[in-house]
Amino acid sequence: MFTSEEKLQRLRSLYDLARDSEEFEGGVTLEEEMQALVVGNWALVTFDELDELALSFHLNSHPNAVAKLTRYLLEHGIAFALYEAFTIDEDDQIVFESDLEASDED
């Protein structure tokens, strides 16, 4: 397991790589409190419970932007787990697609 500082260091390294890349459409922001990189308003890069780098896209992300970003990460040897899509609710909380489907069934 990584420490919080190790996770932040990995995210900082990715941030340094991503800052000048057009594949991170909409720019990239390092959110240290969340231990995440926010790509534009459409993707998150953070760590999952297994300490794997995790990538998740907004439900309304453009497929070309998603393809460019994932290809860029792979070409630079950055291993990641691809997670389900997310959206942001009215309380500015991240809600994953599977949670939306569960609430639709109620």
PDB file of N, CA and C in Angstrom:
ATOM      1  N   MET A   1       0.834  -1.180   0.000  1.00  0.00           N
ATOM      2  CA  MET A   1       0.000   0.000   0.000  1.00  0.00           C
ATOM      3  C   MET A   1       0.886   1.253   0.000  1.00  0.00           C
ATOM      4  N   PHE A   2       0.461   2.224  -0.779  1.00  0.00           N
ATOM      5  CA  PHE A   2       1.179   3.497  -0.839  1.00  0.00           C
ATOM      6  C   PHE A   2       0.751   4.405   0.300  1.00  0.00           C
ATOM      7  N   THR A   3       1.669   5.212   0.755  1.00  0.00           N
ATOM      8  CA  THR A   3       1.315   6.260   1.715  1.00  0.00           C
ATOM      9  C   THR A   3       0.664   7.407   0.934  1.00  0.00           C
ATOM     10  N   SER A   4       0.036   8.307   1.647  1.00  0.00           N
ATOM     11  CA  SER A   4      -0.572   9.474   0.997  1.00  0.00           C
ATOM     12  C   SER A   4       0.473  10.273   0.226  1.00  0.00           C
ATOM     13  N   GLU A   5       1.657  10.407   0.807  1.00  0.00           N
ATOM     14  CA  GLU A   5       2.715  11.159   0.134  1.00  0.00           C
ATOM     15  C   GLU A   5       3.185  10.456  -1.139  1.00  0.00           C
ATOM     16  N   GLU A   6       3.273   9.136  -1.116  1.00  0.00           N
ATOM     17  CA  GLU A   6       3.669   8.388  -2.316  1.00  0.00           C
ATOM     18  C   GLU A   6       2.622   8.541  -3.419  1.00  0.00           C
ATOM     19  N   LYS A   7       1.357   8.503  -3.047  1.00  0.00           N
ATOM     20  CA  LYS A   7       0.291   8.699  -4.036  1.00  0.00           C
ATOM     21  C   LYS A   7       0.389  10.097  -4.642  1.00  0.00           C
ATOM     22  N   LEU A   8       0.562  11.097  -3.790  1.00  0.00           N
ATOM     23  CA  LEU A   8       0.677  12.459  -4.293  1.00  0.00           C
ATOM     24  C   LEU A   8       1.890  12.621  -5.197  1.00  0.00           C
ATOM     25  N   GLN A   9       2.987  11.962  -4.858  1.00  0.00           N
ATOM     26  CA  GLN A   9       4.184  12.041  -5.698  1.00  0.00           C
ATOM     27  C   GLN A   9       3.924  11.443  -7.081  1.00  0.00           C
ATOM     28  N   ARG A  10       3.242  10.333  -7.123  1.00  0.00           N
ATOM     29  CA  ARG A  10       2.899   9.719  -8.423  1.00  0.00           C
ATOM     30  C   ARG A  10       1.975  10.637  -9.216  1.00  0.00           C
ATOM     31  N   LEU A  11       0.994  11.228  -8.535  1.00  0.00           N
ATOM     32  CA  LEU A  11       0.085  12.142  -9.219  1.00  0.00           C
ATOM     33  C   LEU A  11       0.813  13.398  -9.694  1.00  0.00           C
ATOM     34  N   ARG A  12       1.755  13.901  -8.895  1.00  0.00           N
ATOM     35  CA  ARG A  12       2.547  15.068  -9.310  1.00  0.00           C
ATOM     36  C   ARG A  12       3.365  14.755 -10.558  1.00  0.00           C
ATOM     37  N   SER A  13       3.939  13.562 -10.604  1.00  0.00           N
ATOM     38  CA  SER A  13       4.718  13.161 -11.781  1.00  0.00           C
ATOM     39  C   SER A  13       3.832  13.114 -13.022  1.00  0.00           C
ATOM     40  N   LEU A  14       2.648  12.548 -12.881  1.00  0.00           N
ATOM     41  CA  LEU A  14       1.709  12.499 -14.000  1.00  0.00           C
ATOM     42  C   LEU A  14       1.246  13.903 -14.373  1.00  0.00           C
ATOM     43  N   TYR A  15       1.020  14.738 -13.386  1.00  0.00           N
ATOM     44  CA  TYR A  15       0.629  16.128 -13.630  1.00  0.00           C
ATOM     45  C   TYR A  15       1.710  16.855 -14.432  1.00  0.00           C
ATOM     46  N   ASP A  16       2.970  16.682 -14.042  1.00  0.00           N
ATOM     47  CA  ASP A  16       4.074  17.320 -14.764  1.00  0.00           C
ATOM     48  C   ASP A  16       4.122  16.861 -16.215  1.00  0.00           C
ATOM     49  N   LEU A  17       3.853  15.588 -16.451  1.00  0.00           N
ATOM     50  CA  LEU A  17       3.835  15.042 -17.803  1.00  0.00           C
ATOM     51  C   LEU A  17       2.637  15.592 -18.589  1.00  0.00           C
ATOM     52  N   ALA A  18       1.516  15.745 -17.909  1.00  0.00           N
ATOM     53  CA  ALA A  18       0.257  16.074 -18.576  1.00  0.00           C
ATOM     54  C   ALA A  18       0.062  17.566 -18.837  1.00  0.00           C
ATOM     55  N   ARG A  19       0.690  18.411 -18.068  1.00  0.00           N
ATOM     56  CA  ARG A  19       0.420  19.856 -18.137  1.00  0.00           C
ATOM     57  C   ARG A  19       0.444  20.435 -19.535  1.00  0.00           C
ATOM     58  N   ASP A  20       1.391  20.033 -20.333  1.00  0.00           N
ATOM     59  CA  ASP A  20       1.543  20.616 -21.667  1.00  0.00           C
ATOM     60  C   ASP A  20       1.017  19.721 -22.778  1.00  0.00           C
ATOM     61  N   SER A  21       0.265  18.691 -22.420  1.00  0.00           N
ATOM     62  CA  SER A  21      -0.221  17.751 -23.418  1.00  0.00           C
ATOM     63  C   SER A  21      -1.647  18.078 -23.839  1.00  0.00           C
ATOM     64  N   GLU A  22      -1.883  18.107 -25.139  1.00  0.00           N
ATOM     65  CA  GLU A  22      -3.232  18.375 -25.635  1.00  0.00           C
ATOM     66  C   GLU A  22      -4.166  17.177 -25.435  1.00  0.00           C
ATOM     67  N   GLU A  23      -3.620  16.008 -25.105  1.00  0.00           N
ATOM     68  CA  GLU A  23      -4.461  14.835 -24.869  1.00  0.00           C
ATOM     69  C   GLU A  23      -5.279  14.977 -23.589  1.00  0.00           C
ATOM     70  N   PHE A  24      -4.860  15.860 -22.696  1.00  0.00           N
ATOM     71  CA  PHE A  24      -5.609  16.134 -21.475  1.00  0.00           C
ATOM     72  C   PHE A  24      -6.525  17.320 -21.773  1.00  0.00           C
ATOM     73  N   GLU A  25      -7.511  17.066 -22.621  1.00  0.00           N
ATOM     74  CA  GLU A  25      -8.406  18.090 -23.148  1.00  0.00           C
ATOM     75  C   GLU A  25      -9.111  18.838 -22.014  1.00  0.00           C
ATOM     76  N   GLY A  26      -9.003  20.143 -22.043  1.00  0.00           N
ATOM     77  CA  GLY A  26      -9.600  20.962 -20.992  1.00  0.00           C
ATOM     78  C   GLY A  26      -8.631  21.258 -19.866  1.00  0.00           C
ATOM     79  N   GLY A  27      -7.397  20.792 -20.011  1.00  0.00           N
ATOM     80  CA  GLY A  27      -6.394  21.033 -18.983  1.00  0.00           C
ATOM     81  C   GLY A  27      -6.449  19.999 -17.875  1.00  0.00           C
ATOM     82  N   VAL A  28      -5.471  20.073 -17.005  1.00  0.00           N
ATOM     83  CA  VAL A  28      -5.391  19.120 -15.895  1.00  0.00           C
ATOM     84  C   VAL A  28      -5.081  19.887 -14.616  1.00  0.00           C
ATOM     85  N   THR A  29      -5.731  19.475 -13.539  1.00  0.00           N
ATOM     86  CA  THR A  29      -5.557  20.112 -12.238  1.00  0.00           C
ATOM     87  C   THR A  29      -5.225  19.043 -11.211  1.00  0.00           C
ATOM     88  N   LEU A  30      -4.240  19.302 -10.391  1.00  0.00           N
ATOM     89  CA  LEU A  30      -3.912  18.398  -9.293  1.00  0.00           C
ATOM     90  C   LEU A  30      -4.697  18.837  -8.071  1.00  0.00           C
ATOM     91  N   GLU A  31      -5.555  17.977  -7.588  1.00  0.00           N
ATOM     92  CA  GLU A  31      -6.347  18.238  -6.382  1.00  0.00           C
ATOM     93  C   GLU A  31      -5.750  17.404  -5.258  1.00  0.00           C
ATOM     94  N   GLU A  32      -4.847  18.001  -4.496  1.00  0.00           N
ATOM     95  CA  GLU A  32      -4.119  17.256  -3.471  1.00  0.00           C
ATOM     96  C   GLU A  32      -5.021  16.721  -2.378  1.00  0.00           C
ATOM     97  N   GLU A  33      -6.029  17.491  -1.961  1.00  0.00           N
ATOM     98  CA  GLU A  33      -6.920  17.020  -0.900  1.00  0.00           C
ATOM     99  C   GLU A  33      -7.688  15.771  -1.315  1.00  0.00           C
ATOM    100  N   MET A  34      -8.060  15.707  -2.593  1.00  0.00           N
ATOM    101  CA  MET A  34      -8.775  14.537  -3.121  1.00  0.00           C
ATOM    102  C   MET A  34      -7.818  13.433  -3.549  1.00  0.00           C
ATOM    103  N   GLN A  35      -6.534  13.729  -3.593  1.00  0.00           N
ATOM    104  CA  GLN A  35      -5.537  12.829  -4.164  1.00  0.00           C
ATOM    105  C   GLN A  35      -5.985  12.387  -5.555  1.00  0.00           C
ATOM    106  N   ALA A  36      -6.194  13.397  -6.410  1.00  0.00           N
ATOM    107  CA  ALA A  36      -6.703  13.116  -7.751  1.00  0.00           C
ATOM    108  C   ALA A  36      -6.221  14.170  -8.739  1.00  0.00           C
ATOM    109  N   LEU A  37      -6.152  13.752  -9.992  1.00  0.00           N
ATOM    110  CA  LEU A  37      -5.992  14.677 -11.104  1.00  0.00           C
ATOM    111  C   LEU A  37      -7.366  14.822 -11.740  1.00  0.00           C
ATOM    112  N   VAL A  38      -7.751  16.045 -12.011  1.00  0.00           N
ATOM    113  CA  VAL A  38      -9.011  16.314 -12.682  1.00  0.00           C
ATOM    114  C   VAL A  38      -8.661  16.776 -14.089  1.00  0.00           C
ATOM    115  N   VAL A  39      -9.178  16.083 -15.076  1.00  0.00           N
ATOM    116  CA  VAL A  39      -8.918  16.416 -16.477  1.00  0.00           C
ATOM    117  C   VAL A  39     -10.148  17.152 -17.002  1.00  0.00           C
ATOM    118  N   GLY A  40      -9.942  18.443 -17.319  1.00  0.00           N
ATOM    119  CA  GLY A  40     -11.070  19.255 -17.772  1.00  0.00           C
ATOM    120  C   GLY A  40     -12.213  19.140 -16.792  1.00  0.00           C
ATOM    121  N   ASN A  41     -13.384  18.866 -17.314  1.00  0.00           N
ATOM    122  CA  ASN A  41     -14.540  18.577 -16.462  1.00  0.00           C
ATOM    123  C   ASN A  41     -15.102  17.206 -16.806  1.00  0.00           C
ATOM    124  N   TRP A  42     -14.211  16.316 -17.299  1.00  0.00           N
ATOM    125  CA  TRP A  42     -14.724  15.059 -17.834  1.00  0.00           C
ATOM    126  C   TRP A  42     -13.980  13.802 -17.394  1.00  0.00           C
ATOM    127  N   ALA A  43     -12.900  13.902 -16.646  1.00  0.00           N
ATOM    128  CA  ALA A  43     -12.184  12.684 -16.228  1.00  0.00           C
ATOM    129  C   ALA A  43     -11.490  12.896 -14.887  1.00  0.00           C
ATOM    130  N   LEU A  44     -11.346  11.798 -14.156  1.00  0.00           N
ATOM    131  CA  LEU A  44     -10.622  11.776 -12.891  1.00  0.00           C
ATOM    132  C   LEU A  44      -9.558  10.695 -12.946  1.00  0.00           C
ATOM    133  N   VAL A  45      -8.392  11.004 -12.406  1.00  0.00           N
ATOM    134  CA  VAL A  45      -7.328  10.024 -12.236  1.00  0.00           C
ATOM    135  C   VAL A  45      -6.993  10.042 -10.749  1.00  0.00           C
ATOM    136  N   THR A  46      -7.168   8.910 -10.097  1.00  0.00           N
ATOM    137  CA  THR A  46      -6.933   8.819  -8.663  1.00  0.00           C
ATOM    138  C   THR A  46      -6.478   7.395  -8.346  1.00  0.00           C
ATOM    139  N   PHE A  47      -6.527   6.996  -7.107  1.00  0.00           N
ATOM    140  CA  PHE A  47      -6.147   5.642  -6.715  1.00  0.00           C
ATOM    141  C   PHE A  47      -7.360   4.895  -6.191  1.00  0.00           C
ATOM    142  N   ASP A  48      -7.454   3.621  -6.550  1.00  0.00           N
ATOM    143  CA  ASP A  48      -8.545   2.797  -6.031  1.00  0.00           C
ATOM    144  C   ASP A  48      -8.134   2.156  -4.716  1.00  0.00           C
ATOM    145  N   GLU A  49      -8.981   1.309  -4.187  1.00  0.00           N
ATOM    146  CA  GLU A  49      -8.718   0.689  -2.886  1.00  0.00           C
ATOM    147  C   GLU A  49      -7.553  -0.291  -2.916  1.00  0.00           C
ATOM    148  N   LEU A  50      -7.101  -0.683  -4.102  1.00  0.00           N
ATOM    149  CA  LEU A  50      -5.938  -1.562  -4.245  1.00  0.00           C
ATOM    150  C   LEU A  50      -4.665  -0.776  -4.561  1.00  0.00           C
ATOM    151  N   ASP A  51      -4.755   0.533  -4.479  1.00  0.00           N
ATOM    152  CA  ASP A  51      -3.652   1.440  -4.793  1.00  0.00           C
ATOM    153  C   ASP A  51      -3.221   1.379  -6.254  1.00  0.00           C
ATOM    154  N   GLU A  52      -4.153   1.019  -7.113  1.00  0.00           N
ATOM    155  CA  GLU A  52      -3.920   1.087  -8.552  1.00  0.00           C
ATOM    156  C   GLU A  52      -4.346   2.468  -9.024  1.00  0.00           C
ATOM    157  N   LEU A  53      -3.625   3.004  -9.996  1.00  0.00           N
ATOM    158  CA  LEU A  53      -4.044   4.258 -10.597  1.00  0.00           C
ATOM    159  C   LEU A  53      -5.368   3.988 -11.312  1.00  0.00           C
ATOM    160  N   ALA A  54      -6.370   4.781 -11.014  1.00  0.00           N
ATOM    161  CA  ALA A  54      -7.717   4.550 -11.539  1.00  0.00           C
ATOM    162  C   ALA A  54      -8.150   5.723 -12.403  1.00  0.00           C
ATOM    163  N   LEU A  55      -8.734   5.413 -13.549  1.00  0.00           N
ATOM    164  CA  LEU A  55      -9.188   6.415 -14.496  1.00  0.00           C
ATOM    165  C   LEU A  55     -10.683   6.245 -14.685  1.00  0.00           C
ATOM    166  N   SER A  56     -11.431   7.340 -14.557  1.00  0.00           N
ATOM    167  CA  SER A  56     -12.875   7.306 -14.727  1.00  0.00           C
ATOM    168  C   SER A  56     -13.300   8.520 -15.541  1.00  0.00           C
ATOM    169  N   PHE A  57     -14.312   8.324 -16.383  1.00  0.00           N
ATOM    170  CA  PHE A  57     -14.787   9.379 -17.277  1.00  0.00           C
ATOM    171  C   PHE A  57     -16.205   9.784 -16.945  1.00  0.00           C
ATOM    172  N   HIS A  58     -16.522  11.057 -17.198  1.00  0.00           N
ATOM    173  CA  HIS A  58     -17.889  11.539 -17.038  1.00  0.00           C
ATOM    174  C   HIS A  58     -18.773  10.843 -18.069  1.00  0.00           C
ATOM    175  N   LEU A  59     -20.018  10.599 -17.710  1.00  0.00           N
ATOM    176  CA  LEU A  59     -20.961   9.934 -18.616  1.00  0.00           C
ATOM    177  C   LEU A  59     -21.076  10.620 -19.968  1.00  0.00           C
ATOM    178  N   ASN A  60     -20.915  11.938 -19.994  1.00  0.00           N
ATOM    179  CA  ASN A  60     -21.069  12.692 -21.238  1.00  0.00           C
ATOM    180  C   ASN A  60     -19.745  13.013 -21.931  1.00  0.00           C
ATOM    181  N   SER A  61     -18.685  12.321 -21.562  1.00  0.00           N
ATOM    182  CA  SER A  61     -17.379  12.559 -22.196  1.00  0.00           C
ATOM    183  C   SER A  61     -17.435  12.211 -23.675  1.00  0.00           C
ATOM    184  N   HIS A  62     -16.712  12.986 -24.457  1.00  0.00           N
ATOM    185  CA  HIS A  62     -16.650  12.705 -25.897  1.00  0.00           C
ATOM    186  C   HIS A  62     -15.748  11.498 -26.123  1.00  0.00           C
ATOM    187  N   PRO A  63     -16.184  10.529 -26.913  1.00  0.00           N
ATOM    188  CA  PRO A  63     -15.379   9.319 -27.147  1.00  0.00           C
ATOM    189  C   PRO A  63     -13.982   9.594 -27.693  1.00  0.00           C
ATOM    190  N   ASN A  64     -13.832  10.622 -28.525  1.00  0.00           N
ATOM    191  CA  ASN A  64     -12.503  10.929 -29.068  1.00  0.00           C
ATOM    192  C   ASN A  64     -11.559  11.404 -27.973  1.00  0.00           C
ATOM    193  N   ALA A  65     -12.057  12.212 -27.036  1.00  0.00           N
ATOM    194  CA  ALA A  65     -11.228  12.682 -25.929  1.00  0.00           C
ATOM    195  C   ALA A  65     -10.811  11.507 -25.049  1.00  0.00           C
ATOM    196  N   VAL A  66     -11.740  10.599 -24.802  1.00  0.00           N
ATOM    197  CA  VAL A  66     -11.448   9.408 -24.000  1.00  0.00           C
ATOM    198  C   VAL A  66     -10.373   8.566 -24.687  1.00  0.00           C
ATOM    199  N   ALA A  67     -10.520   8.362 -25.973  1.00  0.00           N
ATOM    200  CA  ALA A  67      -9.555   7.555 -26.727  1.00  0.00           C
ATOM    201  C   ALA A  67      -8.171   8.193 -26.718  1.00  0.00           C
ATOM    202  N   LYS A  68      -8.097   9.509 -26.935  1.00  0.00           N
ATOM    203  CA  LYS A  68      -6.807  10.203 -26.941  1.00  0.00           C
ATOM    204  C   LYS A  68      -6.109  10.100 -25.594  1.00  0.00           C
ATOM    205  N   LEU A  69      -6.861  10.269 -24.517  1.00  0.00           N
ATOM    206  CA  LEU A  69      -6.267  10.220 -23.184  1.00  0.00           C
ATOM    207  C   LEU A  69      -5.782   8.812 -22.843  1.00  0.00           C
ATOM    208  N   THR A  70      -6.599   7.813 -23.088  1.00  0.00           N
ATOM    209  CA  THR A  70      -6.174   6.447 -22.755  1.00  0.00           C
ATOM    210  C   THR A  70      -4.982   6.023 -23.605  1.00  0.00           C
ATOM    211  N   ARG A  71      -4.972   6.388 -24.878  1.00  0.00           N
ATOM    212  CA  ARG A  71      -3.828   6.068 -25.735  1.00  0.00           C
ATOM    213  C   ARG A  71      -2.560   6.758 -25.224  1.00  0.00           C
ATOM    214  N   TYR A  72      -2.664   8.003 -24.827  1.00  0.00           N
ATOM    215  CA  TYR A  72      -1.526   8.754 -24.307  1.00  0.00           C
ATOM    216  C   TYR A  72      -0.941   8.054 -23.073  1.00  0.00           C
ATOM    217  N   LEU A  73      -1.802   7.672 -22.144  1.00  0.00           N
ATOM    218  CA  LEU A  73      -1.328   6.997 -20.933  1.00  0.00           C
ATOM    219  C   LEU A  73      -0.623   5.686 -21.276  1.00  0.00           C
ATOM    220  N   LEU A  74      -1.208   4.918 -22.164  1.00  0.00           N
ATOM    221  CA  LEU A  74      -0.598   3.639 -22.553  1.00  0.00           C
ATOM    222  C   LEU A  74       0.739   3.851 -23.267  1.00  0.00           C
ATOM    223  N   GLU A  75       0.802   4.822 -24.159  1.00  0.00           N
ATOM    224  CA  GLU A  75       2.041   5.092 -24.887  1.00  0.00           C
ATOM    225  C   GLU A  75       3.165   5.555 -23.965  1.00  0.00           C
ATOM    226  N   HIS A  76       2.814   6.129 -22.824  1.00  0.00           N
ATOM    227  CA  HIS A  76       3.820   6.592 -21.871  1.00  0.00           C
ATOM    228  C   HIS A  76       4.055   5.580 -20.746  1.00  0.00           C
ATOM    229  N   GLY A  77       3.537   4.367 -20.927  1.00  0.00           N
ATOM    230  CA  GLY A  77       3.787   3.295 -19.969  1.00  0.00           C
ATOM    231  C   GLY A  77       3.133   3.494 -18.617  1.00  0.00           C
ATOM    232  N   ILE A  78       2.048   4.244 -18.594  1.00  0.00           N
ATOM    233  CA  ILE A  78       1.343   4.505 -17.333  1.00  0.00           C
ATOM    234  C   ILE A  78       0.216   3.495 -17.199  1.00  0.00           C
ATOM    235  N   ALA A  79       0.400   2.562 -16.280  1.00  0.00           N
ATOM    236  CA  ALA A  79      -0.616   1.532 -16.047  1.00  0.00           C
ATOM    237  C   ALA A  79      -1.765   2.127 -15.249  1.00  0.00           C
ATOM    238  N   PHE A  80      -2.985   1.741 -15.605  1.00  0.00           N
ATOM    239  CA  PHE A  80      -4.153   2.244 -14.893  1.00  0.00           C
ATOM    240  C   PHE A  80      -5.291   1.234 -15.003  1.00  0.00           C
ATOM    241  N   ALA A  81      -6.192   1.328 -14.056  1.00  0.00           N
ATOM    242  CA  ALA A  81      -7.422   0.549 -14.105  1.00  0.00           C
ATOM    243  C   ALA A  81      -8.509   1.482 -14.627  1.00  0.00           C
ATOM    244  N   LEU A  82      -9.278   1.011 -15.595  1.00  0.00           N
ATOM    245  CA  LEU A  82     -10.353   1.816 -16.158  1.00  0.00           C
ATOM    246  C   LEU A  82     -11.625   1.545 -15.358  1.00  0.00           C
ATOM    247  N   TYR A  83     -12.174   2.599 -14.808  1.00  0.00           N
ATOM    248  CA  TYR A  83     -13.372   2.476 -13.977  1.00  0.00           C
ATOM    249  C   TYR A  83     -14.588   2.971 -14.730  1.00  0.00           C
ATOM    250  N   GLU A  84     -15.736   2.666 -14.168  1.00  0.00           N
ATOM    251  CA  GLU A  84     -16.988   3.052 -14.789  1.00  0.00           C
ATOM    252  C   GLU A  84     -17.141   4.571 -14.851  1.00  0.00           C
ATOM    253  N   ALA A  85     -18.075   4.987 -15.677  1.00  0.00           N
ATOM    254  CA  ALA A  85     -18.350   6.406 -15.852  1.00  0.00           C
ATOM    255  C   ALA A  85     -18.997   6.992 -14.602  1.00  0.00           C
ATOM    256  N   PHE A  86     -18.879   8.301 -14.478  1.00  0.00           N
ATOM    257  CA  PHE A  86     -19.455   9.003 -13.337  1.00  0.00           C
ATOM    258  C   PHE A  86     -20.201  10.247 -13.805  1.00  0.00           C
ATOM    259  N   THR A  87     -20.951  10.809 -12.900  1.00  0.00           N
ATOM    260  CA  THR A  87     -21.563  12.111 -13.093  1.00  0.00           C
ATOM    261  C   THR A  87     -21.460  12.856 -11.765  1.00  0.00           C
ATOM    262  N   ILE A  88     -21.837  14.110 -11.781  1.00  0.00           N
ATOM    263  CA  ILE A  88     -21.799  14.926 -10.564  1.00  0.00           C
ATOM    264  C   ILE A  88     -23.241  15.276 -10.209  1.00  0.00           C
ATOM    265  N   ASP A  89     -23.629  15.009  -8.963  1.00  0.00           N
ATOM    266  CA  ASP A  89     -25.008  15.290  -8.558  1.00  0.00           C
ATOM    267  C   ASP A  89     -25.175  16.745  -8.140  1.00  0.00           C
ATOM    268  N   GLU A  90     -26.383  17.097  -7.730  1.00  0.00           N
ATOM    269  CA  GLU A  90     -26.691  18.487  -7.360  1.00  0.00           C
ATOM    270  C   GLU A  90     -25.926  18.955  -6.125  1.00  0.00           C
ATOM    271  N   ASP A  91     -25.372  18.028  -5.344  1.00  0.00           N
ATOM    272  CA  ASP A  91     -24.560  18.372  -4.175  1.00  0.00           C
ATOM    273  C   ASP A  91     -23.064  18.357  -4.471  1.00  0.00           C
ATOM    274  N   ASP A  92     -22.717  18.342  -5.772  1.00  0.00           N
ATOM    275  CA  ASP A  92     -21.321  18.304  -6.227  1.00  0.00           C
ATOM    276  C   ASP A  92     -20.581  17.054  -5.756  1.00  0.00           C
ATOM    277  N   GLN A  93     -21.304  15.955  -5.621  1.00  0.00           N
ATOM    278  CA  GLN A  93     -20.711  14.683  -5.238  1.00  0.00           C
ATOM    279  C   GLN A  93     -20.580  13.800  -6.478  1.00  0.00           C
ATOM    280  N   ILE A  94     -19.521  13.011  -6.524  1.00  0.00           N
ATOM    281  CA  ILE A  94     -19.325  12.079  -7.630  1.00  0.00           C
ATOM    282  C   ILE A  94     -20.249  10.890  -7.436  1.00  0.00           C
ATOM    283  N   VAL A  95     -20.998  10.545  -8.487  1.00  0.00           N
ATOM    284  CA  VAL A  95     -21.904   9.402  -8.464  1.00  0.00           C
ATOM    285  C   VAL A  95     -21.529   8.510  -9.645  1.00  0.00           C
ATOM    286  N   PHE A  96     -21.221   7.240  -9.361  1.00  0.00           N
ATOM    287  CA  PHE A  96     -20.837   6.321 -10.426  1.00  0.00           C
ATOM    288  C   PHE A  96     -22.063   5.747 -11.121  1.00  0.00           C
ATOM    289  N   GLU A  97     -21.875   5.329 -12.366  1.00  0.00           N
ATOM    290  CA  GLU A  97     -22.951   4.843 -13.210  1.00  0.00           C
ATOM    291  C   GLU A  97     -23.748   3.720 -12.542  1.00  0.00           C
ATOM    292  N   SER A  98     -23.080   2.802 -11.877  1.00  0.00           N
ATOM    293  CA  SER A  98     -23.793   1.691 -11.236  1.00  0.00           C
ATOM    294  C   SER A  98     -24.701   2.194 -10.114  1.00  0.00           C
ATOM    295  N   ASP A  99     -24.307   3.280  -9.457  1.00  0.00           N
ATOM    296  CA  ASP A  99     -25.157   3.859  -8.421  1.00  0.00           C
ATOM    297  C   ASP A  99     -26.395   4.513  -9.034  1.00  0.00           C
ATOM    298  N   LEU A 100     -26.250   5.085 -10.207  1.00  0.00           N
ATOM    299  CA  LEU A 100     -27.403   5.676 -10.904  1.00  0.00           C
ATOM    300  C   LEU A 100     -28.399   4.600 -11.289  1.00  0.00           C
ATOM    301  N   GLU A 101     -27.888   3.470 -11.795  1.00  0.00           N
ATOM    302  CA  GLU A 101     -28.773   2.373 -12.187  1.00  0.00           C
ATOM    303  C   GLU A 101     -29.519   1.827 -10.982  1.00  0.00           C
ATOM    304  N   ALA A 102     -28.877   1.743  -9.830  1.00  0.00           N
ATOM    305  CA  ALA A 102     -29.533   1.239  -8.627  1.00  0.00           C
ATOM    306  C   ALA A 102     -30.651   2.183  -8.189  1.00  0.00           C
ATOM    307  N   SER A 103     -30.432   3.492  -8.297  1.00  0.00           N
ATOM    308  CA  SER A 103     -31.457   4.429  -7.879  1.00  0.00           C
ATOM    309  C   SER A 103     -32.613   4.465  -8.871  1.00  0.00           C
ATOM    310  N   ASP A 104     -32.383   4.137 -10.156  1.00  0.00           N
ATOM    311  CA  ASP A 104     -33.445   4.072 -11.152  1.00  0.00           C
ATOM    312  C   ASP A 104     -34.385   2.906 -10.891  1.00  0.00           C
ATOM    313  N   GLU A 105     -33.889   1.861 -10.241  1.00  0.00           N
ATOM    314  CA  GLU A 105     -34.679   0.664  -9.982  1.00  0.00           C
ATOM    315  C   GLU A 105     -35.585   0.835  -8.780  1.00  0.00           C
ATOM    316  N   ASP A 106     -35.368   1.864  -7.963  1.00  0.00           N
ATOM    317  CA  ASP A 106     -36.180   2.081  -6.759  1.00  0.00           C
ATOM    318  C   ASP A 106     -37.592   2.476  -7.077  1.00  0.00           C
TER     319      ASP A 106
END
